[in-house]
Amino acid sequence: MAIECLVLGAGQEVGKSCAVVTINGKRIMFDCGMHMGYLDHRRFPDFSLISKSADFNTAIDCIVITHFHLDHVGALPYFTEVCGYSGPIYMTVM
């Protein structure tokens, strides 16, 4: 079983936490955060690394939000409303 990890944000900094993990052909995005220190394109993870076709509904099987801080969930409205992701999103109630 191969596991691949694609870091889209927060690789070496605090903010815009986002990684796509591929396990047995399933692609799971962990967190979808934003960087609070920027107002331009650097505010969001680099979603262009996920899919060349930009069809995020077929490129991502689900999103798992680890906890509800803006640096882990702040880009989720952008990813769903602007990028058009409409797949499953899992998180705790707190």
N, C-alpha and C. Protein backbone atom coordinates (compact mmCIF):
# COMPACT_ATOMS: atom_id res chain seq x y z
N MET A 1 0.85 -1.17 0.00
CA MET A 1 0.00 0.00 0.00
C MET A 1 0.90 1.23 0.00
N ALA A 2 0.72 2.08 -1.00
CA ALA A 2 1.48 3.32 -1.10
C ALA A 2 0.65 4.48 -0.54
N ILE A 3 1.33 5.36 0.15
CA ILE A 3 0.70 6.57 0.67
C ILE A 3 1.48 7.75 0.12
N GLU A 4 0.76 8.68 -0.51
CA GLU A 4 1.38 9.89 -1.04
C GLU A 4 0.79 11.10 -0.33
N CYS A 5 1.62 12.11 -0.13
CA CYS A 5 1.16 13.33 0.53
C CYS A 5 1.56 14.53 -0.32
N LEU A 6 0.58 15.34 -0.68
CA LEU A 6 0.79 16.56 -1.45
C LEU A 6 0.45 17.74 -0.55
N VAL A 7 1.46 18.51 -0.18
CA VAL A 7 1.25 19.65 0.71
C VAL A 7 0.90 20.87 -0.14
N LEU A 8 -0.27 21.44 0.14
CA LEU A 8 -0.74 22.61 -0.62
C LEU A 8 -0.53 23.92 0.14
N GLY A 9 -0.28 23.83 1.43
CA GLY A 9 -0.07 25.01 2.25
C GLY A 9 0.44 24.62 3.61
N ALA A 10 1.09 25.57 4.28
CA ALA A 10 1.61 25.40 5.64
C ALA A 10 2.73 24.38 5.73
N GLY A 11 3.42 24.14 4.65
CA GLY A 11 4.52 23.19 4.69
C GLY A 11 5.64 23.62 5.61
N GLN A 12 5.92 24.92 5.65
CA GLN A 12 6.99 25.42 6.50
C GLN A 12 6.58 26.69 7.23
N GLU A 13 5.27 26.86 7.44
CA GLU A 13 4.79 28.05 8.12
C GLU A 13 3.46 27.75 8.80
N VAL A 14 3.03 28.65 9.67
CA VAL A 14 1.72 28.54 10.29
C VAL A 14 0.74 29.28 9.40
N GLY A 15 -0.35 28.64 9.05
CA GLY A 15 -1.36 29.26 8.19
C GLY A 15 -1.56 28.47 6.93
N LYS A 16 -2.76 28.50 6.44
CA LYS A 16 -3.25 27.79 5.24
C LYS A 16 -2.91 26.31 5.23
N SER A 17 -3.15 25.67 6.35
CA SER A 17 -2.92 24.24 6.47
C SER A 17 -3.78 23.49 5.47
N CYS A 18 -3.13 22.66 4.63
CA CYS A 18 -3.87 21.91 3.63
C CYS A 18 -2.95 20.86 3.02
N ALA A 19 -3.36 19.61 3.08
CA ALA A 19 -2.58 18.52 2.48
C ALA A 19 -3.54 17.50 1.89
N VAL A 20 -3.16 16.95 0.75
CA VAL A 20 -3.95 15.90 0.11
C VAL A 20 -3.18 14.60 0.25
N VAL A 21 -3.80 13.62 0.91
CA VAL A 21 -3.18 12.32 1.12
C VAL A 21 -3.89 11.30 0.23
N THR A 22 -3.10 10.55 -0.54
CA THR A 22 -3.64 9.51 -1.40
C THR A 22 -3.31 8.16 -0.80
N ILE A 23 -4.36 7.36 -0.53
CA ILE A 23 -4.21 6.02 0.04
C ILE A 23 -5.09 5.09 -0.78
N ASN A 24 -4.49 4.07 -1.35
CA ASN A 24 -5.24 3.09 -2.16
C ASN A 24 -6.14 3.75 -3.20
N GLY A 25 -5.64 4.79 -3.85
CA GLY A 25 -6.39 5.45 -4.91
C GLY A 25 -7.40 6.48 -4.44
N LYS A 26 -7.62 6.60 -3.14
CA LYS A 26 -8.54 7.60 -2.59
C LYS A 26 -7.75 8.85 -2.21
N ARG A 27 -8.27 10.02 -2.58
CA ARG A 27 -7.59 11.28 -2.28
C ARG A 27 -8.39 12.04 -1.22
N ILE A 28 -7.77 12.23 -0.06
CA ILE A 28 -8.41 12.89 1.07
C ILE A 28 -7.68 14.18 1.35
N MET A 29 -8.42 15.28 1.38
CA MET A 29 -7.82 16.57 1.74
C MET A 29 -7.98 16.76 3.24
N PHE A 30 -6.88 16.97 3.92
CA PHE A 30 -6.91 17.27 5.34
C PHE A 30 -6.74 18.78 5.51
N ASP A 31 -7.76 19.41 6.03
CA ASP A 31 -7.82 20.84 6.29
C ASP A 31 -7.87 21.65 5.00
N CYS A 32 -8.33 22.85 5.13
CA CYS A 32 -8.46 23.77 4.00
C CYS A 32 -8.38 25.18 4.58
N GLY A 33 -7.20 25.50 5.11
CA GLY A 33 -7.04 26.73 5.87
C GLY A 33 -6.57 27.91 5.06
N MET A 34 -6.57 29.06 5.71
CA MET A 34 -6.08 30.27 5.07
C MET A 34 -4.99 30.91 5.92
N HIS A 35 -4.16 31.70 5.27
CA HIS A 35 -3.08 32.42 5.96
C HIS A 35 -3.62 33.80 6.32
N MET A 36 -3.57 34.14 7.58
CA MET A 36 -4.16 35.39 8.05
C MET A 36 -3.30 36.61 7.73
N GLY A 37 -2.06 36.40 7.29
CA GLY A 37 -1.17 37.53 7.05
C GLY A 37 -1.18 38.08 5.64
N TYR A 38 -1.95 37.48 4.73
CA TYR A 38 -1.97 37.92 3.33
C TYR A 38 -3.40 38.23 2.89
N LEU A 39 -3.51 39.14 1.94
CA LEU A 39 -4.80 39.46 1.35
C LEU A 39 -4.87 39.09 -0.12
N ASP A 40 -3.78 38.60 -0.68
CA ASP A 40 -3.74 38.24 -2.10
C ASP A 40 -3.79 36.72 -2.26
N HIS A 41 -3.34 36.21 -3.41
CA HIS A 41 -3.41 34.77 -3.70
C HIS A 41 -2.66 33.90 -2.69
N ARG A 42 -1.72 34.48 -1.96
CA ARG A 42 -0.96 33.72 -0.95
C ARG A 42 -1.80 33.36 0.26
N ARG A 43 -2.98 33.92 0.36
CA ARG A 43 -3.86 33.65 1.49
C ARG A 43 -4.38 32.21 1.48
N PHE A 44 -4.55 31.62 0.27
CA PHE A 44 -5.14 30.30 0.14
C PHE A 44 -4.11 29.26 -0.27
N PRO A 45 -4.37 27.98 0.02
CA PRO A 45 -3.49 26.92 -0.45
C PRO A 45 -3.43 26.91 -1.99
N ASP A 46 -2.39 26.29 -2.53
CA ASP A 46 -2.23 26.23 -3.98
C ASP A 46 -3.07 25.08 -4.53
N PHE A 47 -4.35 25.35 -4.75
CA PHE A 47 -5.28 24.32 -5.22
C PHE A 47 -4.96 23.84 -6.63
N SER A 48 -4.21 24.62 -7.39
CA SER A 48 -3.87 24.22 -8.77
C SER A 48 -3.01 22.95 -8.78
N LEU A 49 -2.38 22.61 -7.68
CA LEU A 49 -1.56 21.40 -7.62
C LEU A 49 -2.40 20.13 -7.55
N ILE A 50 -3.68 20.25 -7.24
CA ILE A 50 -4.54 19.08 -7.08
C ILE A 50 -4.90 18.46 -8.42
N SER A 51 -5.34 19.28 -9.35
CA SER A 51 -5.88 18.74 -10.59
C SER A 51 -5.59 19.68 -11.75
N LYS A 52 -5.10 19.12 -12.84
CA LYS A 52 -4.88 19.93 -14.04
C LYS A 52 -6.20 20.29 -14.70
N SER A 53 -7.21 19.44 -14.54
CA SER A 53 -8.52 19.70 -15.15
C SER A 53 -9.35 20.69 -14.34
N ALA A 54 -8.92 20.97 -13.11
CA ALA A 54 -9.63 21.87 -12.19
C ALA A 54 -11.02 21.36 -11.83
N ASP A 55 -11.27 20.06 -12.02
CA ASP A 55 -12.53 19.47 -11.55
C ASP A 55 -12.25 18.83 -10.19
N PHE A 56 -12.45 19.62 -9.15
CA PHE A 56 -12.08 19.18 -7.82
C PHE A 56 -13.02 18.10 -7.28
N ASN A 57 -14.21 17.99 -7.86
CA ASN A 57 -15.15 16.96 -7.40
C ASN A 57 -14.70 15.56 -7.78
N THR A 58 -13.95 15.42 -8.86
CA THR A 58 -13.42 14.10 -9.22
C THR A 58 -12.00 13.91 -8.71
N ALA A 59 -11.32 15.00 -8.39
CA ALA A 59 -9.93 14.91 -7.93
C ALA A 59 -9.82 14.64 -6.43
N ILE A 60 -10.83 15.03 -5.66
CA ILE A 60 -10.83 14.86 -4.20
C ILE A 60 -12.02 14.00 -3.80
N ASP A 61 -11.78 12.94 -3.03
CA ASP A 61 -12.87 12.08 -2.59
C ASP A 61 -13.61 12.64 -1.38
N CYS A 62 -12.88 13.32 -0.49
CA CYS A 62 -13.53 13.96 0.66
C CYS A 62 -12.54 14.91 1.31
N ILE A 63 -13.08 15.75 2.18
CA ILE A 63 -12.27 16.68 2.99
C ILE A 63 -12.50 16.33 4.45
N VAL A 64 -11.42 16.30 5.21
CA VAL A 64 -11.49 16.10 6.66
C VAL A 64 -10.90 17.34 7.33
N ILE A 65 -11.70 18.03 8.12
CA ILE A 65 -11.23 19.19 8.88
C ILE A 65 -10.83 18.70 10.26
N THR A 66 -9.55 18.91 10.61
CA THR A 66 -9.05 18.38 11.87
C THR A 66 -9.52 19.18 13.09
N HIS A 67 -9.61 20.49 12.95
CA HIS A 67 -10.16 21.33 14.00
C HIS A 67 -10.50 22.70 13.43
N PHE A 68 -11.30 23.45 14.18
CA PHE A 68 -11.91 24.65 13.63
C PHE A 68 -11.15 25.92 14.03
N HIS A 69 -9.95 26.08 13.51
CA HIS A 69 -9.21 27.34 13.57
C HIS A 69 -9.13 27.85 12.14
N LEU A 70 -9.09 29.16 11.95
CA LEU A 70 -9.08 29.70 10.59
C LEU A 70 -7.91 29.21 9.75
N ASP A 71 -6.77 28.95 10.38
CA ASP A 71 -5.64 28.47 9.60
C ASP A 71 -5.83 27.03 9.14
N HIS A 72 -6.91 26.37 9.58
CA HIS A 72 -7.22 25.00 9.16
C HIS A 72 -8.54 24.90 8.38
N VAL A 73 -9.40 25.92 8.46
CA VAL A 73 -10.71 25.83 7.81
C VAL A 73 -11.09 27.10 7.04
N GLY A 74 -10.30 28.15 7.12
CA GLY A 74 -10.67 29.45 6.54
C GLY A 74 -10.85 29.49 5.04
N ALA A 75 -10.19 28.60 4.29
CA ALA A 75 -10.33 28.60 2.83
C ALA A 75 -11.43 27.67 2.35
N LEU A 76 -12.11 27.00 3.26
CA LEU A 76 -13.17 26.07 2.86
C LEU A 76 -14.29 26.75 2.07
N PRO A 77 -14.79 27.93 2.49
CA PRO A 77 -15.80 28.59 1.67
C PRO A 77 -15.29 28.94 0.27
N TYR A 78 -14.04 29.31 0.15
CA TYR A 78 -13.46 29.60 -1.17
C TYR A 78 -13.41 28.33 -2.02
N PHE A 79 -13.00 27.22 -1.40
CA PHE A 79 -12.88 25.97 -2.15
C PHE A 79 -14.24 25.45 -2.60
N THR A 80 -15.27 25.64 -1.79
CA THR A 80 -16.60 25.16 -2.17
C THR A 80 -17.32 26.13 -3.11
N GLU A 81 -17.25 27.40 -2.84
CA GLU A 81 -18.03 28.38 -3.61
C GLU A 81 -17.33 28.86 -4.87
N VAL A 82 -16.03 29.10 -4.82
CA VAL A 82 -15.29 29.61 -5.98
C VAL A 82 -14.73 28.47 -6.83
N CYS A 83 -14.11 27.50 -6.17
CA CYS A 83 -13.52 26.37 -6.90
C CYS A 83 -14.57 25.33 -7.28
N GLY A 84 -15.71 25.31 -6.60
CA GLY A 84 -16.81 24.45 -6.97
C GLY A 84 -16.83 23.06 -6.38
N TYR A 85 -16.03 22.81 -5.34
CA TYR A 85 -16.06 21.49 -4.71
C TYR A 85 -17.39 21.30 -4.01
N SER A 86 -18.04 20.13 -4.24
CA SER A 86 -19.33 19.86 -3.61
C SER A 86 -19.39 18.46 -3.00
N GLY A 87 -18.22 17.85 -2.79
CA GLY A 87 -18.17 16.51 -2.22
C GLY A 87 -18.31 16.52 -0.71
N PRO A 88 -18.12 15.35 -0.10
CA PRO A 88 -18.29 15.24 1.35
C PRO A 88 -17.21 16.00 2.13
N ILE A 89 -17.65 16.58 3.25
CA ILE A 89 -16.75 17.30 4.17
C ILE A 89 -17.06 16.77 5.56
N TYR A 90 -16.02 16.29 6.24
CA TYR A 90 -16.19 15.72 7.58
C TYR A 90 -15.45 16.56 8.61
N MET A 91 -16.09 16.74 9.77
CA MET A 91 -15.47 17.48 10.87
C MET A 91 -16.22 17.15 12.15
N THR A 92 -15.64 17.47 13.27
CA THR A 92 -16.33 17.28 14.54
C THR A 92 -17.28 18.44 14.77
N VAL A 93 -18.12 18.33 15.77
CA VAL A 93 -19.08 19.38 16.08
C VAL A 93 -18.45 20.52 16.86
N MET A 94 -17.26 20.32 17.37
CA MET A 94 -16.58 21.37 18.15
C MET A 94 -15.29 21.77 17.52
